[in-house]
Amino acid sequence: MKTKIIAAAACIFMSGAAFADPLEGLWQTEPDDGAYAHVDIAPCGANFCGKIAKTFNGSGEYQSPNLGKTLVIDMAAQGDGNYKGKVWRPSNDKIYLGKIALSGDTIKLSGCVAGGLICSKQSWARVK
């Protein structure tokens, strides 16, 4: 009996890992100041963070000093594909209040200041 309980608990624990949040994965940003990036979004604590995995410009992939830096910061799931946290914009080195709206293989990301009065938005596509 004890073996069956342990096996059932192991199955439940392992099945949780199989159900990744749909936000997790590699995403391509829109160009910003002539460059774009692939951002790897993964769990960070109870929320999600996205680090710059690759960077590209007009000449192709290049070694940006921003590689490995966190662009999506502490995004918390709000339900229905919505997330709230912060975003960092490398071109001006500022951190903004951020939101993500996930729909299939596209996310709409916004970063705002002044209580949401001034916002910048991008659509990112999942890299397959």
Protein backbone atom coordinates (compact mmCIF):
# COMPACT_ATOMS: atom_id res chain seq x y z
CA MET A 1 0.00 0.00 0.00
CA LYS A 2 2.82 2.38 0.93
CA THR A 3 4.48 1.75 -2.45
CA LYS A 4 1.26 2.64 -4.31
CA ILE A 5 0.95 5.94 -2.41
CA ILE A 6 4.57 6.86 -3.14
CA ALA A 7 4.12 5.96 -6.84
CA ALA A 8 0.92 8.03 -7.06
CA ALA A 9 2.62 11.00 -5.39
CA ALA A 10 5.57 10.71 -7.81
CA CYS A 11 3.19 10.69 -10.81
CA ILE A 12 1.40 13.80 -9.56
CA PHE A 13 4.70 15.62 -8.93
CA MET A 14 6.13 14.67 -12.34
CA SER A 15 2.93 15.54 -14.21
CA GLY A 16 3.12 19.10 -12.87
CA ALA A 17 6.43 19.56 -14.69
CA ALA A 18 4.81 18.37 -17.91
CA PHE A 19 2.26 21.19 -17.85
CA ALA A 20 4.37 24.26 -18.56
CA ASP A 21 2.70 27.66 -18.54
CA PRO A 22 1.95 28.77 -22.13
CA LEU A 23 4.06 31.91 -21.56
CA GLU A 24 7.20 29.80 -21.20
CA GLY A 25 9.42 29.56 -24.26
CA LEU A 26 11.47 31.56 -26.73
CA TRP A 27 9.95 34.80 -28.08
CA GLN A 28 11.10 37.23 -30.78
CA THR A 29 10.77 40.93 -29.98
CA GLU A 30 9.91 43.65 -32.45
CA PRO A 31 12.86 45.74 -33.64
CA ASP A 32 13.81 48.56 -31.26
CA ASP A 33 16.45 51.01 -32.49
CA GLY A 34 17.22 48.67 -35.40
CA ALA A 35 17.82 45.53 -33.32
CA TYR A 36 15.67 42.71 -32.00
CA ALA A 37 16.17 39.79 -29.66
CA HIS A 38 15.08 36.30 -28.80
CA VAL A 39 13.91 36.29 -25.18
CA ASP A 40 13.68 33.06 -23.20
CA ILE A 41 10.77 33.26 -20.74
CA ALA A 42 10.91 30.79 -17.85
CA PRO A 43 9.74 30.53 -14.24
CA CYS A 44 11.57 32.69 -11.69
CA GLY A 45 10.20 31.88 -8.29
CA ALA A 46 6.40 31.92 -8.46
CA ASN A 47 6.40 34.25 -11.50
CA PHE A 48 8.08 34.51 -14.92
CA CYS A 49 11.19 36.28 -16.18
CA GLY A 50 12.62 36.61 -19.66
CA LYS A 51 16.33 36.78 -20.43
CA ILE A 52 17.86 37.88 -23.71
CA ALA A 53 19.12 34.68 -25.38
CA LYS A 54 20.17 36.03 -28.82
CA THR A 55 20.40 39.45 -30.43
CA PHE A 56 20.09 40.48 -34.07
CA ASN A 57 20.61 43.63 -36.15
CA GLY A 58 20.65 44.43 -39.87
CA SER A 59 23.74 42.25 -40.33
CA GLY A 60 22.30 39.21 -38.53
CA GLU A 61 23.07 37.73 -35.12
CA TYR A 62 25.55 39.71 -33.07
CA GLN A 63 27.02 39.66 -29.57
CA SER A 64 25.14 42.46 -27.80
CA PRO A 65 26.30 43.54 -24.35
CA ASN A 66 22.68 42.85 -23.31
CA LEU A 67 22.92 39.08 -23.81
CA GLY A 68 21.80 37.26 -20.67
CA LYS A 69 20.15 40.32 -19.15
CA THR A 70 16.61 40.13 -17.83
CA LEU A 71 14.10 41.97 -20.02
CA VAL A 72 10.82 40.59 -18.59
CA ILE A 73 10.85 40.91 -14.81
CA ASP A 74 8.70 39.08 -12.27
CA MET A 75 5.57 38.68 -14.43
CA ALA A 76 2.75 37.26 -12.31
CA ALA A 77 -0.13 35.37 -13.92
CA GLN A 78 -3.45 37.22 -13.58
CA GLY A 79 -5.59 34.62 -15.37
CA ASP A 80 -6.95 34.40 -18.92
CA GLY A 81 -3.46 34.77 -20.46
CA ASN A 82 -2.72 38.06 -18.70
CA TYR A 83 0.41 38.83 -16.67
CA LYS A 84 1.67 41.84 -14.69
CA GLY A 85 5.21 42.73 -13.71
CA LYS A 86 7.99 44.91 -15.09
CA VAL A 87 9.91 45.24 -18.35
CA TRP A 88 13.35 46.65 -19.07
CA ARG A 89 13.97 48.58 -22.28
CA PRO A 90 17.64 48.24 -23.25
CA SER A 91 17.66 51.21 -25.65
CA ASN A 92 17.12 53.70 -22.79
CA ASP A 93 18.03 51.47 -19.80
CA LYS A 94 14.69 52.12 -18.06
CA ILE A 95 12.36 49.74 -16.21
CA TYR A 96 8.61 50.14 -16.73
CA LEU A 97 5.47 48.67 -15.19
CA GLY A 98 4.65 45.88 -17.61
CA LYS A 99 1.77 43.78 -18.82
CA ILE A 100 1.59 40.79 -21.12
CA ALA A 101 -1.50 39.52 -22.93
CA LEU A 102 -0.92 36.04 -24.35
CA SER A 103 -2.91 34.75 -27.32
CA GLY A 104 -1.66 31.53 -28.89
CA ASP A 105 1.84 32.13 -30.27
CA THR A 106 1.71 35.92 -29.86
CA ILE A 107 2.13 38.13 -26.84
CA LYS A 108 1.27 41.80 -26.58
CA LEU A 109 3.71 43.39 -24.17
CA SER A 110 3.36 46.90 -22.81
CA GLY A 111 5.54 49.01 -20.58
CA CYS A 112 4.10 52.10 -18.91
CA VAL A 113 5.12 55.08 -16.77
CA ALA A 114 3.13 57.83 -15.05
CA GLY A 115 0.57 55.41 -13.69
CA GLY A 116 -0.14 53.98 -17.14
CA LEU A 117 -0.62 57.31 -18.92
CA ILE A 118 2.41 56.85 -21.19
CA CYS A 119 2.92 53.37 -22.63
CA SER A 120 5.00 51.66 -25.28
CA LYS A 121 3.78 48.41 -26.82
CA GLN A 122 5.20 45.52 -28.81
CA SER A 123 3.92 42.26 -30.22
CA TRP A 124 6.24 39.29 -29.86
CA ALA A 125 6.01 36.01 -31.76
CA ARG A 126 6.92 32.59 -30.42
CA VAL A 127 10.13 31.24 -32.01
CA LYS A 128 9.53 27.71 -33.30
